[in-house]
Amino acid sequence: MFLMKRIISNHLSLNFWKRDEDDILVIWNQGDFELDCMLWYLNGIEPRIQFTIEKEKDGCLPFLDIHIRRESGQLVTK
């Protein structure tokens, strides 16, 4: 839990952060380069904990058993 608080407090550019066990959903409004830098930062904190990223494709992103789609600036789940 300390790691999550440290990350969130150091990176206020995160618009949304939801964690479920080892899965984290983040809404990121910065660019792809900044997202890659964030992944590099996260993976450098503790070598035994490594993060991966799955980016949305065509406005859609599966997360756990939920299908998340972006429509007119809103998130729609199914």
N, C-alpha and C. Protein backbone atom coordinates (compact mmCIF):
# COMPACT_ATOMS: atom_id res chain seq x y z
N MET A 1 0.82 -1.19 0.00
CA MET A 1 0.00 0.00 0.00
C MET A 1 0.86 1.26 0.00
N PHE A 2 1.99 1.21 0.67
CA PHE A 2 2.90 2.36 0.69
C PHE A 2 3.34 2.73 -0.71
N LEU A 3 3.65 1.74 -1.54
CA LEU A 3 4.10 1.98 -2.90
C LEU A 3 3.04 2.75 -3.68
N MET A 4 1.78 2.35 -3.57
CA MET A 4 0.70 3.02 -4.30
C MET A 4 0.55 4.47 -3.84
N LYS A 5 0.60 4.71 -2.54
CA LYS A 5 0.49 6.08 -2.04
C LYS A 5 1.64 6.94 -2.54
N ARG A 6 2.82 6.37 -2.58
CA ARG A 6 4.00 7.10 -3.06
C ARG A 6 3.86 7.47 -4.53
N ILE A 7 3.41 6.53 -5.33
CA ILE A 7 3.25 6.77 -6.77
C ILE A 7 2.19 7.83 -7.01
N ILE A 8 1.05 7.69 -6.37
CA ILE A 8 -0.05 8.62 -6.58
C ILE A 8 0.34 10.03 -6.12
N SER A 9 0.99 10.14 -4.99
CA SER A 9 1.36 11.47 -4.49
C SER A 9 2.44 12.13 -5.35
N ASN A 10 3.29 11.34 -5.98
CA ASN A 10 4.36 11.90 -6.81
C ASN A 10 3.91 12.21 -8.23
N HIS A 11 2.80 11.65 -8.67
CA HIS A 11 2.35 11.83 -10.05
C HIS A 11 0.90 12.27 -10.06
N LEU A 12 0.70 13.54 -9.85
CA LEU A 12 -0.65 14.07 -9.79
C LEU A 12 -1.29 14.17 -11.17
N SER A 13 -0.54 13.85 -12.23
CA SER A 13 -1.11 13.89 -13.58
C SER A 13 -2.06 12.72 -13.84
N LEU A 14 -2.15 11.78 -12.90
CA LEU A 14 -3.09 10.68 -13.05
C LEU A 14 -4.49 11.19 -12.79
N ASN A 15 -5.37 11.06 -13.78
CA ASN A 15 -6.75 11.53 -13.63
C ASN A 15 -7.62 10.51 -12.92
N PHE A 16 -7.28 9.23 -13.05
CA PHE A 16 -8.07 8.18 -12.43
C PHE A 16 -7.16 6.99 -12.20
N TRP A 17 -7.27 6.38 -11.04
CA TRP A 17 -6.44 5.23 -10.66
C TRP A 17 -7.31 4.29 -9.86
N LYS A 18 -7.56 3.11 -10.38
CA LYS A 18 -8.38 2.11 -9.67
C LYS A 18 -7.61 0.80 -9.65
N ARG A 19 -7.46 0.25 -8.45
CA ARG A 19 -6.69 -0.98 -8.27
C ARG A 19 -7.60 -2.10 -7.82
N ASP A 20 -7.41 -3.28 -8.41
CA ASP A 20 -8.11 -4.49 -7.99
C ASP A 20 -7.09 -5.62 -8.00
N GLU A 21 -6.66 -6.03 -6.79
CA GLU A 21 -5.60 -7.04 -6.66
C GLU A 21 -4.37 -6.56 -7.41
N ASP A 22 -3.91 -7.30 -8.47
CA ASP A 22 -2.71 -6.87 -9.20
C ASP A 22 -3.04 -6.10 -10.47
N ASP A 23 -4.29 -5.76 -10.69
CA ASP A 23 -4.68 -5.02 -11.89
C ASP A 23 -5.00 -3.58 -11.53
N ILE A 24 -4.48 -2.66 -12.34
CA ILE A 24 -4.68 -1.24 -12.09
C ILE A 24 -5.20 -0.61 -13.38
N LEU A 25 -6.29 0.14 -13.26
CA LEU A 25 -6.83 0.88 -14.39
C LEU A 25 -6.49 2.34 -14.18
N VAL A 26 -5.84 2.94 -15.19
CA VAL A 26 -5.43 4.34 -15.11
C VAL A 26 -5.98 5.07 -16.32
N ILE A 27 -6.57 6.23 -16.08
CA ILE A 27 -6.92 7.12 -17.19
C ILE A 27 -5.82 8.15 -17.27
N TRP A 28 -5.17 8.20 -18.40
CA TRP A 28 -3.97 9.02 -18.58
C TRP A 28 -4.22 9.98 -19.72
N ASN A 29 -4.19 11.28 -19.45
CA ASN A 29 -4.44 12.28 -20.49
C ASN A 29 -3.17 12.94 -21.01
N GLN A 30 -2.02 12.47 -20.56
CA GLN A 30 -0.76 12.98 -21.07
C GLN A 30 -0.44 12.21 -22.35
N GLY A 31 0.70 12.45 -22.94
CA GLY A 31 1.08 11.79 -24.18
C GLY A 31 1.64 10.39 -23.97
N ASP A 32 1.85 9.70 -25.09
CA ASP A 32 2.41 8.35 -25.05
C ASP A 32 3.83 8.34 -24.48
N PHE A 33 4.62 9.36 -24.82
CA PHE A 33 5.99 9.42 -24.30
C PHE A 33 5.98 9.51 -22.77
N GLU A 34 5.10 10.37 -22.23
CA GLU A 34 5.00 10.53 -20.79
C GLU A 34 4.52 9.23 -20.13
N LEU A 35 3.63 8.51 -20.80
CA LEU A 35 3.15 7.23 -20.27
C LEU A 35 4.30 6.22 -20.24
N ASP A 36 5.10 6.20 -21.29
CA ASP A 36 6.26 5.30 -21.29
C ASP A 36 7.25 5.67 -20.18
N CYS A 37 7.41 6.96 -19.93
CA CYS A 37 8.28 7.41 -18.84
C CYS A 37 7.72 6.97 -17.49
N MET A 38 6.40 7.04 -17.33
CA MET A 38 5.77 6.60 -16.09
C MET A 38 5.99 5.11 -15.89
N LEU A 39 5.85 4.31 -16.95
CA LEU A 39 6.09 2.87 -16.85
C LEU A 39 7.54 2.61 -16.46
N TRP A 40 8.46 3.32 -17.06
CA TRP A 40 9.88 3.19 -16.73
C TRP A 40 10.11 3.53 -15.25
N TYR A 41 9.47 4.59 -14.78
CA TYR A 41 9.59 5.01 -13.38
C TYR A 41 9.05 3.91 -12.45
N LEU A 42 7.85 3.42 -12.76
CA LEU A 42 7.24 2.39 -11.91
C LEU A 42 8.10 1.14 -11.84
N ASN A 43 8.62 0.71 -12.97
CA ASN A 43 9.43 -0.51 -13.01
C ASN A 43 10.80 -0.33 -12.37
N GLY A 44 11.20 0.91 -12.11
CA GLY A 44 12.48 1.17 -11.46
C GLY A 44 12.40 1.25 -9.94
N ILE A 45 11.18 1.28 -9.40
CA ILE A 45 11.03 1.42 -7.95
C ILE A 45 11.44 0.15 -7.21
N GLU A 46 10.91 -0.96 -7.64
CA GLU A 46 11.18 -2.25 -6.99
C GLU A 46 11.35 -3.31 -8.07
N PRO A 47 12.59 -3.80 -8.28
CA PRO A 47 12.85 -4.74 -9.37
C PRO A 47 11.98 -6.01 -9.34
N ARG A 48 11.51 -6.40 -8.17
CA ARG A 48 10.68 -7.61 -8.09
C ARG A 48 9.23 -7.36 -8.52
N ILE A 49 8.86 -6.09 -8.64
CA ILE A 49 7.51 -5.73 -9.10
C ILE A 49 7.64 -5.05 -10.44
N GLN A 50 7.12 -5.66 -11.48
CA GLN A 50 7.20 -5.09 -12.82
C GLN A 50 5.80 -4.88 -13.38
N PHE A 51 5.57 -3.71 -13.93
CA PHE A 51 4.28 -3.33 -14.50
C PHE A 51 4.31 -3.50 -16.01
N THR A 52 3.15 -3.77 -16.58
CA THR A 52 2.98 -3.79 -18.03
C THR A 52 1.81 -2.87 -18.36
N ILE A 53 1.73 -2.48 -19.61
CA ILE A 53 0.66 -1.58 -20.04
C ILE A 53 -0.11 -2.23 -21.18
N GLU A 54 -1.41 -2.12 -21.11
CA GLU A 54 -2.27 -2.45 -22.23
C GLU A 54 -3.03 -1.18 -22.57
N LYS A 55 -2.75 -0.64 -23.75
CA LYS A 55 -3.38 0.61 -24.16
C LYS A 55 -4.66 0.32 -24.92
N GLU A 56 -5.55 1.30 -24.91
CA GLU A 56 -6.80 1.14 -25.64
C GLU A 56 -6.54 1.04 -27.14
N LYS A 57 -7.40 0.32 -27.82
CA LYS A 57 -7.34 0.19 -29.27
C LYS A 57 -8.70 0.55 -29.83
N ASP A 58 -8.72 1.51 -30.74
CA ASP A 58 -9.98 1.98 -31.33
C ASP A 58 -10.97 2.43 -30.27
N GLY A 59 -10.49 3.07 -29.21
CA GLY A 59 -11.36 3.59 -28.16
C GLY A 59 -11.88 2.54 -27.20
N CYS A 60 -11.37 1.29 -27.28
CA CYS A 60 -11.85 0.20 -26.42
C CYS A 60 -10.70 -0.39 -25.62
N LEU A 61 -11.03 -0.84 -24.40
CA LEU A 61 -10.04 -1.46 -23.54
C LEU A 61 -10.72 -2.50 -22.66
N PRO A 62 -10.28 -3.76 -22.74
CA PRO A 62 -10.79 -4.74 -21.79
C PRO A 62 -10.05 -4.60 -20.46
N PHE A 63 -10.79 -4.65 -19.36
CA PHE A 63 -10.19 -4.59 -18.03
C PHE A 63 -10.95 -5.57 -17.15
N LEU A 64 -10.25 -6.59 -16.68
CA LEU A 64 -10.87 -7.67 -15.93
C LEU A 64 -12.00 -8.25 -16.78
N ASP A 65 -13.22 -8.29 -16.29
CA ASP A 65 -14.34 -8.81 -17.08
C ASP A 65 -15.20 -7.69 -17.65
N ILE A 66 -14.63 -6.51 -17.75
CA ILE A 66 -15.38 -5.34 -18.21
C ILE A 66 -14.81 -4.87 -19.55
N HIS A 67 -15.70 -4.52 -20.45
CA HIS A 67 -15.31 -3.93 -21.73
C HIS A 67 -15.55 -2.43 -21.60
N ILE A 68 -14.49 -1.63 -21.67
CA ILE A 68 -14.60 -0.18 -21.51
C ILE A 68 -14.42 0.47 -22.87
N ARG A 69 -15.37 1.34 -23.22
CA ARG A 69 -15.34 2.01 -24.51
C ARG A 69 -15.50 3.51 -24.27
N ARG A 70 -14.75 4.29 -25.04
CA ARG A 70 -14.84 5.75 -24.93
C ARG A 70 -15.80 6.25 -26.00
N GLU A 71 -16.85 6.95 -25.56
CA GLU A 71 -17.83 7.53 -26.48
C GLU A 71 -18.13 8.96 -26.08
N SER A 72 -17.93 9.86 -27.00
CA SER A 72 -18.24 11.30 -26.77
C SER A 72 -17.66 11.81 -25.45
N GLY A 73 -16.41 11.45 -25.17
CA GLY A 73 -15.75 11.93 -23.98
C GLY A 73 -16.17 11.25 -22.68
N GLN A 74 -16.98 10.21 -22.77
CA GLN A 74 -17.39 9.47 -21.57
C GLN A 74 -16.98 8.02 -21.71
N LEU A 75 -16.87 7.33 -20.57
CA LEU A 75 -16.56 5.92 -20.57
C LEU A 75 -17.85 5.12 -20.43
N VAL A 76 -18.01 4.14 -21.31
CA VAL A 76 -19.18 3.28 -21.30
C VAL A 76 -18.68 1.87 -21.03
N THR A 77 -19.30 1.19 -20.05
CA THR A 77 -18.87 -0.17 -19.70
C THR A 77 -19.93 -1.18 -20.10
N LYS A 78 -19.45 -2.39 -20.33
CA LYS A 78 -20.35 -3.48 -20.73
C LYS A 78 -19.86 -4.76 -20.09
